[in-house]
Amino acid sequence: MDFLKQKLDERLALQALRHLKPTNARIDFSSNDYLGLGRSIESKLETKRCSGGSRLLYGNSPEAESLETWLAHSFNEEAALVFNSGYAANLGFFSCVPQKNDVILYDEFIHASVRDGIRLSHAKAFSFRHNSIESLCEKASRQRGRIFVAIESVYSMDGDAAPLEGFNAVCATHGWLLVVDEAHALGVYGPNGKGRIAELKDASGVFARILTFGKAAGYHGAAVLGSAILKAYLINFSRPFIYSTALPPSDYSTMQMQLQRMLEAESARLTLKSIIDVWKQEVGDAFRTQDGPIQVVPAKSNAHADALAKHLSEAGFDVRAIKHPTVAAGIERLRIILHTFNSRDEIQALAQHLLKTEDFF
């Protein structure tokens, strides 16, 4: 953490170190609620006030701080910092934490939000083959200096899981800083749905993890979890955090409520597993299947993917096409998401309908 602490110490020496301040009952000459419209709707909301500005200026709240304390405790981390979305969290982390002369090595299938953060970074960046520890090590052998490794624990477009234990081990051995996006693992994998990092006996290779609340938790928002120094650094240097209007206090409370419900939803996780098993049984070897809720049916082109989606839509199934440039040309697909509320009959009907239209493939 010395490289982050050095930057914080420089800010402190300049008397420019940012801190989140508690709310107060003083007369408001600080918020961005120019027309007073935020106050005028407070009586209609389940909150005592709207945010009124960024968390550094006016929008901090006991609810936001309570959520961050709860996240750190629940996920066994020193600290957590909440962002308004998963996109903002990834953008905010990768645009400022890797420094000039650092290197970011990222999985070739990493999410667009990570790629956008990397573009804003001053660090060098190179991709490695999907889920390949060998490719990562080969790329890293050519580099000098501090190395960040960016992966997703479960990938959003294919639904496949990274060999997380191997990535964690190799990063711990070499002193590389592993950053894991747990967006599609949270709520589904790990003890109490805490994600795949929670499955590791020793997560010493993990520098930071990003949790997003818009998937299994069924709400919105995100958080970066890691050391207290990392949190302080993000508060001071992460532009998407610094310059974003805070969410209303009720949103932070709702996030915590939804996350708590998610952690306690063991029965729902078992139901989801049974639904996934039904899908696997029904499609057999016709398509590659995954252990999670994201399943893929391959297509040959954008037009082909659209035709398949339209065909299923006409049969009453809401299945969306994933097309180039979201994925590379030639690996377009249908992305099927399985849920606890999908019945066995619905799963069987979808699988049978797909298998009966083999001429489409």
Protein backbone atom coordinates (compact mmCIF):
# COMPACT_ATOMS: atom_id res chain seq x y z
CA MET A 1 0.00 0.00 0.00
CA ASP A 2 3.01 2.33 0.16
CA PHE A 3 2.39 3.75 -3.31
CA LEU A 4 -1.14 4.84 -2.33
CA LYS A 5 -0.07 6.16 1.08
CA GLN A 6 2.65 8.25 -0.57
CA LYS A 7 0.05 10.02 -2.70
CA LEU A 8 -2.19 10.59 0.32
CA ASP A 9 0.73 11.99 2.32
CA GLU A 10 1.49 14.41 -0.52
CA ARG A 11 -2.10 15.65 -0.37
CA LEU A 12 -1.89 15.95 3.42
CA ALA A 13 1.28 18.04 3.16
CA LEU A 14 -0.58 20.41 0.83
CA GLN A 15 -3.52 20.56 3.25
CA ALA A 16 -5.64 19.20 0.39
CA LEU A 17 -6.63 15.81 1.77
CA ARG A 18 -10.31 15.11 1.30
CA HIS A 19 -12.49 13.65 4.05
CA LEU A 20 -16.15 12.69 4.16
CA LYS A 21 -17.96 14.92 6.65
CA PRO A 22 -20.98 13.96 8.75
CA THR A 23 -24.35 15.59 8.12
CA ASN A 24 -25.39 18.57 10.22
CA ALA A 25 -28.43 20.68 11.07
CA ARG A 26 -26.93 23.98 9.97
CA ILE A 27 -28.60 26.38 7.56
CA ASP A 28 -27.92 25.07 4.06
CA PHE A 29 -25.66 27.25 1.98
CA SER A 30 -23.89 24.27 0.50
CA SER A 31 -26.14 21.90 -1.42
CA ASN A 32 -27.00 21.96 -5.13
CA ASP A 33 -30.76 21.98 -4.45
CA TYR A 34 -31.10 25.36 -6.18
CA LEU A 35 -34.89 25.50 -6.42
CA GLY A 36 -35.63 23.70 -3.18
CA LEU A 37 -37.34 20.92 -5.06
CA GLY A 38 -35.46 18.27 -3.16
CA ARG A 39 -36.85 19.53 0.13
CA SER A 40 -40.33 19.88 -1.29
CA ILE A 41 -40.59 16.16 -1.94
CA GLU A 42 -38.98 14.99 1.29
CA SER A 43 -42.36 14.40 2.93
CA LYS A 44 -43.22 11.99 0.10
CA LEU A 45 -40.05 9.94 0.48
CA GLU A 46 -38.98 7.46 3.10
CA THR A 47 -36.02 9.64 3.99
CA LYS A 48 -35.38 12.76 6.01
CA ARG A 49 -33.66 14.55 3.16
CA CYS A 50 -32.31 14.29 -0.39
CA SER A 51 -28.59 14.16 -1.00
CA GLY A 52 -28.02 17.73 -2.14
CA GLY A 53 -24.56 17.26 -3.59
CA SER A 54 -21.51 15.04 -3.75
CA ARG A 55 -20.61 13.10 -0.64
CA LEU A 56 -17.54 15.28 -0.14
CA LEU A 57 -19.52 18.53 -0.13
CA TYR A 58 -23.00 17.93 1.22
CA GLY A 59 -24.31 14.51 0.25
CA ASN A 60 -22.69 12.30 2.87
CA SER A 61 -25.14 10.60 5.20
CA PRO A 62 -25.26 8.21 8.16
CA GLU A 63 -27.01 5.76 5.84
CA ALA A 64 -24.10 5.76 3.37
CA GLU A 65 -21.54 5.29 6.13
CA SER A 66 -23.63 2.58 7.77
CA LEU A 67 -23.77 0.66 4.49
CA GLU A 68 -19.99 0.90 4.02
CA THR A 69 -19.32 -0.27 7.57
CA TRP A 70 -21.76 -3.16 7.11
CA LEU A 71 -20.18 -4.15 3.78
CA ALA A 72 -16.66 -4.19 5.21
CA HIS A 73 -17.77 -6.30 8.18
CA SER A 74 -19.96 -8.66 6.15
CA PHE A 75 -17.29 -9.33 3.52
CA ASN A 76 -14.34 -9.43 5.91
CA GLU A 77 -12.54 -6.42 4.45
CA GLU A 78 -11.00 -3.37 6.09
CA ALA A 79 -13.13 -0.89 4.20
CA ALA A 80 -15.71 -0.31 1.48
CA LEU A 81 -16.58 2.70 -0.66
CA VAL A 82 -19.97 2.87 -2.36
CA PHE A 83 -20.36 4.17 -5.91
CA ASN A 84 -23.56 5.00 -7.76
CA SER A 85 -23.16 2.09 -10.19
CA GLY A 86 -20.89 -0.79 -11.13
CA TYR A 87 -19.75 1.17 -14.17
CA ALA A 88 -18.75 4.11 -11.98
CA ALA A 89 -16.93 1.82 -9.54
CA ASN A 90 -14.80 0.18 -12.23
CA LEU A 91 -14.21 3.48 -13.99
CA GLY A 92 -13.33 5.15 -10.71
CA PHE A 93 -10.88 2.45 -9.65
CA PHE A 94 -8.97 1.79 -12.86
CA SER A 95 -8.72 5.42 -13.93
CA CYS A 96 -6.83 6.48 -10.81
CA VAL A 97 -5.31 3.62 -8.80
CA PRO A 98 -2.79 2.25 -11.34
CA GLN A 99 -0.04 4.85 -11.68
CA LYS A 100 2.25 5.99 -14.47
CA ASN A 101 4.83 3.23 -15.12
CA ASP A 102 2.45 0.61 -13.66
CA VAL A 103 1.07 -2.15 -15.88
CA ILE A 104 -2.51 -3.44 -16.07
CA LEU A 105 -2.91 -6.96 -17.44
CA TYR A 106 -6.55 -7.74 -18.11
CA ASP A 107 -8.55 -10.69 -19.36
CA GLU A 108 -9.48 -10.24 -23.02
CA PHE A 109 -13.18 -10.64 -22.09
CA ILE A 110 -13.13 -8.07 -19.28
CA HIS A 111 -16.16 -5.81 -18.96
CA ALA A 112 -16.41 -2.55 -20.92
CA SER A 113 -16.43 -0.48 -17.71
CA VAL A 114 -12.98 -1.81 -16.80
CA ARG A 115 -11.72 -1.11 -20.31
CA ASP A 116 -13.00 2.46 -20.12
CA GLY A 117 -11.27 2.95 -16.77
CA ILE A 118 -8.04 1.59 -18.23
CA ARG A 119 -8.28 4.06 -21.13
CA LEU A 120 -8.34 6.92 -18.62
CA SER A 121 -5.40 5.52 -16.66
CA HIS A 122 -1.77 6.59 -17.10
CA ALA A 123 -0.65 2.97 -16.78
CA LYS A 124 0.33 0.68 -19.64
CA ALA A 125 -2.20 -2.06 -20.36
CA PHE A 126 -2.19 -5.38 -22.20
CA SER A 127 -4.76 -8.15 -22.51
CA PHE A 128 -4.13 -11.84 -21.91
CA ARG A 129 -6.05 -14.86 -23.21
CA HIS A 130 -9.37 -15.50 -21.55
CA ASN A 131 -9.03 -17.35 -18.24
CA SER A 132 -5.42 -18.30 -19.05
CA ILE A 133 -2.99 -18.09 -16.15
CA GLU A 134 -0.25 -19.21 -18.55
CA SER A 135 -0.96 -16.27 -20.87
CA LEU A 136 -1.01 -13.88 -17.91
CA CYS A 137 2.39 -15.10 -16.71
CA GLU A 138 3.84 -14.88 -20.21
CA LYS A 139 2.66 -11.27 -20.57
CA ALA A 140 3.83 -10.37 -17.07
CA SER A 141 7.32 -11.78 -17.75
CA ARG A 142 7.89 -8.98 -20.28
CA GLN A 143 6.97 -6.20 -17.86
CA ARG A 144 8.74 -4.27 -15.16
CA GLY A 145 7.28 -2.48 -12.16
CA ARG A 146 3.97 -2.85 -10.36
CA ILE A 147 1.43 -5.11 -12.07
CA PHE A 148 -2.34 -5.01 -11.66
CA VAL A 149 -4.33 -8.04 -12.87
CA ALA A 150 -7.99 -7.45 -13.77
CA ILE A 151 -10.48 -10.30 -14.06
CA GLU A 152 -14.15 -11.05 -13.52
CA SER A 153 -14.93 -13.97 -11.23
CA VAL A 154 -17.89 -14.86 -13.47
CA TYR A 155 -18.05 -13.38 -16.97
CA SER A 156 -21.15 -11.54 -18.04
CA MET A 157 -21.23 -12.56 -21.70
CA ASP A 158 -20.39 -16.28 -21.41
CA GLY A 159 -21.34 -17.01 -17.82
CA ASP A 160 -18.11 -18.95 -17.29
CA ALA A 161 -16.07 -18.78 -14.09
CA ALA A 162 -12.45 -17.67 -13.86
CA PRO A 163 -9.90 -20.07 -12.28
CA LEU A 164 -9.88 -17.73 -9.33
CA GLU A 165 -7.82 -19.88 -6.99
CA GLY A 166 -5.03 -20.06 -9.57
CA PHE A 167 -5.10 -16.32 -10.30
CA ASN A 168 -5.06 -15.55 -6.58
CA ALA A 169 -2.12 -17.89 -5.97
CA VAL A 170 0.04 -16.61 -8.83
CA CYS A 171 -0.62 -12.98 -7.87
CA ALA A 172 0.22 -13.67 -4.23
CA THR A 173 3.45 -15.42 -5.26
CA HIS A 174 4.66 -12.61 -7.54
CA GLY A 175 3.26 -9.65 -5.63
CA TRP A 176 0.86 -8.72 -8.43
CA LEU A 177 -2.30 -6.84 -7.42
CA LEU A 178 -5.41 -8.83 -8.33
CA VAL A 179 -8.62 -6.85 -8.89
CA VAL A 180 -11.77 -8.95 -9.19
CA ASP A 181 -15.14 -7.82 -10.52
CA GLU A 182 -17.70 -9.97 -8.67
CA ALA A 183 -20.79 -8.49 -10.37
CA HIS A 184 -22.19 -11.79 -11.61
CA ALA A 185 -20.97 -13.94 -8.72
CA LEU A 186 -22.45 -11.89 -5.90
CA GLY A 187 -25.60 -13.52 -4.54
CA VAL A 188 -25.11 -16.73 -6.51
CA TYR A 189 -21.70 -18.14 -5.52
CA GLY A 190 -19.88 -18.54 -2.26
CA PRO A 191 -21.05 -18.94 1.34
CA ASN A 192 -24.27 -16.98 1.82
CA GLY A 193 -23.89 -15.70 -1.74
CA LYS A 194 -20.88 -13.54 -0.81
CA GLY A 195 -19.15 -14.27 -4.13
CA ARG A 196 -16.26 -16.41 -5.25
CA ILE A 197 -13.56 -14.58 -3.31
CA ALA A 198 -15.35 -15.72 -0.14
CA GLU A 199 -14.69 -19.31 -1.27
CA LEU A 200 -10.92 -18.83 -1.06
CA LYS A 201 -9.15 -20.07 2.06
CA ASP A 202 -6.45 -17.44 1.53
CA ALA A 203 -7.25 -14.38 -0.57
CA SER A 204 -3.84 -12.74 -0.06
CA GLY A 205 -3.43 -12.15 -3.80
CA VAL A 206 -6.61 -10.05 -3.99
CA PHE A 207 -5.98 -6.31 -3.82
CA ALA A 208 -9.57 -5.17 -4.38
CA ARG A 209 -12.96 -6.50 -5.34
CA ILE A 210 -15.86 -4.72 -6.95
CA LEU A 211 -19.39 -5.66 -5.94
CA THR A 212 -22.40 -4.44 -7.89
CA PHE A 213 -25.93 -4.44 -6.52
CA GLY A 214 -27.91 -4.37 -9.77
CA LYS A 215 -27.82 -8.12 -10.40
CA ALA A 216 -28.69 -10.66 -7.68
CA ALA A 217 -29.35 -7.94 -5.08
CA GLY A 218 -32.04 -6.50 -7.34
CA TYR A 219 -31.31 -2.81 -6.81
CA HIS A 220 -28.52 -0.52 -7.97
CA GLY A 221 -25.20 0.86 -6.78
CA ALA A 222 -21.80 -0.76 -6.23
CA ALA A 223 -18.83 -0.79 -3.91
CA VAL A 224 -15.06 -1.20 -4.01
CA LEU A 225 -13.81 -3.32 -1.11
CA GLY A 226 -10.22 -3.40 0.06
CA SER A 227 -7.90 -1.72 2.54
CA ALA A 228 -8.63 1.47 4.47
CA ILE A 229 -5.80 3.13 2.56
CA LEU A 230 -7.41 2.18 -0.75
CA LYS A 231 -10.70 3.72 0.39
CA ALA A 232 -8.98 6.95 1.44
CA TYR A 233 -7.14 7.06 -1.88
CA LEU A 234 -10.35 6.62 -3.89
CA ILE A 235 -12.06 9.37 -1.90
CA ASN A 236 -9.21 11.69 -2.83
CA PHE A 237 -8.45 10.70 -6.43
CA SER A 238 -11.42 8.85 -7.97
CA ARG A 239 -13.19 11.42 -10.13
CA PRO A 240 -16.43 9.44 -10.60
CA PHE A 241 -16.77 9.39 -6.81
CA ILE A 242 -15.61 12.95 -6.14
CA TYR A 243 -17.76 14.66 -8.75
CA SER A 244 -20.96 12.56 -8.63
CA THR A 245 -24.01 13.70 -6.71
CA ALA A 246 -24.60 11.31 -3.83
CA LEU A 247 -27.65 9.11 -3.82
CA PRO A 248 -30.51 9.95 -1.44
CA PRO A 249 -30.05 8.43 2.03
CA SER A 250 -32.99 6.09 1.48
CA ASP A 251 -31.13 4.51 -1.44
CA TYR A 252 -28.22 3.50 0.80
CA SER A 253 -30.66 2.05 3.31
CA THR A 254 -32.42 0.13 0.56
CA MET A 255 -29.10 -1.17 -0.77
CA GLN A 256 -28.23 -2.53 2.66
CA MET A 257 -31.69 -4.07 3.05
CA GLN A 258 -31.50 -5.77 -0.35
CA LEU A 259 -27.98 -7.04 0.25
CA GLN A 260 -29.00 -8.45 3.62
CA ARG A 261 -31.97 -10.20 1.99
CA MET A 262 -29.63 -11.55 -0.69
CA LEU A 263 -27.21 -13.01 1.86
CA GLU A 264 -30.08 -14.70 3.68
CA ALA A 265 -31.66 -16.11 0.49
CA GLU A 266 -30.20 -19.61 0.73
CA SER A 267 -33.48 -21.22 -0.32
CA ALA A 268 -33.55 -19.09 -3.47
CA ARG A 269 -29.97 -20.10 -4.32
CA LEU A 270 -30.95 -23.76 -4.06
CA THR A 271 -33.97 -23.13 -6.28
CA LEU A 272 -31.77 -21.40 -8.84
CA LYS A 273 -29.37 -24.34 -8.86
CA SER A 274 -32.26 -26.70 -9.55
CA ILE A 275 -33.44 -24.48 -12.41
CA ILE A 276 -29.93 -24.51 -13.91
CA ASP A 277 -29.85 -28.29 -13.61
CA VAL A 278 -33.15 -28.51 -15.52
CA TRP A 279 -31.68 -26.39 -18.31
CA LYS A 280 -28.59 -28.59 -18.51
CA GLN A 281 -30.70 -31.74 -18.66
CA GLU A 282 -32.98 -30.35 -21.35
CA VAL A 283 -30.32 -29.05 -23.76
CA GLY A 284 -27.90 -31.92 -23.19
CA ASP A 285 -24.87 -31.54 -25.46
CA ALA A 286 -26.58 -29.23 -27.94
CA PHE A 287 -25.03 -26.12 -26.38
CA ARG A 288 -22.19 -25.51 -23.93
CA THR A 289 -23.73 -24.94 -20.51
CA GLN A 290 -22.48 -23.15 -17.40
CA ASP A 291 -22.93 -23.74 -13.68
CA GLY A 292 -24.42 -20.28 -13.18
CA PRO A 293 -27.56 -18.52 -14.40
CA ILE A 294 -25.97 -17.06 -17.57
CA GLN A 295 -26.32 -19.45 -20.51
CA VAL A 296 -25.32 -18.91 -24.14
CA VAL A 297 -26.72 -20.10 -27.46
CA PRO A 298 -24.22 -19.40 -30.26
CA ALA A 299 -25.06 -17.45 -33.40
CA LYS A 300 -23.10 -16.86 -36.59
CA SER A 301 -23.58 -13.12 -37.10
CA ASN A 302 -25.55 -10.10 -35.91
CA ALA A 303 -28.31 -10.88 -38.40
CA HIS A 304 -28.40 -14.49 -37.29
CA ALA A 305 -28.61 -13.50 -33.62
CA ASP A 306 -31.44 -11.09 -34.40
CA ALA A 307 -33.30 -13.77 -36.35
CA LEU A 308 -32.99 -16.23 -33.48
CA ALA A 309 -34.19 -13.68 -30.92
CA LYS A 310 -37.13 -12.70 -33.14
CA HIS A 311 -38.07 -16.35 -33.65
CA LEU A 312 -38.11 -16.95 -29.88
CA SER A 313 -39.98 -13.71 -29.24
CA GLU A 314 -42.75 -14.79 -31.58
CA ALA A 315 -42.98 -17.98 -29.52
CA GLY A 316 -43.40 -15.97 -26.32
CA PHE A 317 -39.82 -16.02 -24.96
CA ASP A 318 -37.98 -12.81 -24.03
CA VAL A 319 -34.42 -13.69 -25.04
CA ARG A 320 -31.99 -10.99 -26.17
CA ALA A 321 -29.34 -11.06 -28.89
CA ILE A 322 -25.77 -10.10 -27.95
CA LYS A 323 -24.12 -8.71 -31.04
CA HIS A 324 -20.87 -7.25 -32.33
CA PRO A 325 -19.30 -4.93 -31.13
CA THR A 326 -20.44 -5.91 -27.63
CA VAL A 327 -18.79 -9.26 -28.42
CA ALA A 328 -16.28 -9.99 -31.16
CA ALA A 329 -17.53 -10.61 -34.68
CA GLY A 330 -18.16 -14.30 -35.21
CA ILE A 331 -19.10 -15.11 -31.62
CA GLU A 332 -22.48 -13.41 -31.49
CA ARG A 333 -25.03 -15.21 -29.36
CA LEU A 334 -28.29 -15.36 -27.51
CA ARG A 335 -27.82 -14.73 -23.80
CA ILE A 336 -30.28 -16.66 -21.68
CA ILE A 337 -30.62 -15.72 -18.02
CA LEU A 338 -32.20 -18.26 -15.71
CA HIS A 339 -34.11 -17.09 -12.63
CA THR A 340 -35.76 -18.59 -9.59
CA PHE A 341 -39.14 -17.47 -10.93
CA ASN A 342 -38.74 -19.41 -14.19
CA SER A 343 -40.80 -22.58 -13.86
CA ARG A 344 -39.61 -26.03 -14.86
CA ASP A 345 -42.25 -26.03 -17.62
CA GLU A 346 -40.94 -22.71 -18.98
CA ILE A 347 -37.34 -23.96 -19.00
CA GLN A 348 -38.36 -27.15 -20.78
CA ALA A 349 -40.45 -25.26 -23.33
CA LEU A 350 -37.61 -22.87 -24.17
CA ALA A 351 -35.08 -25.69 -24.51
CA GLN A 352 -37.41 -27.77 -26.65
CA HIS A 353 -38.23 -24.81 -28.88
CA LEU A 354 -34.53 -24.14 -29.44
CA LEU A 355 -33.76 -27.77 -30.20
CA LYS A 356 -36.63 -27.96 -32.69
CA THR A 357 -35.22 -25.04 -34.67
CA GLU A 358 -31.84 -26.60 -35.40
CA ASP A 359 -32.09 -25.36 -38.98
CA PHE A 360 -31.56 -21.89 -37.53
CA PHE A 361 -28.13 -22.98 -36.33
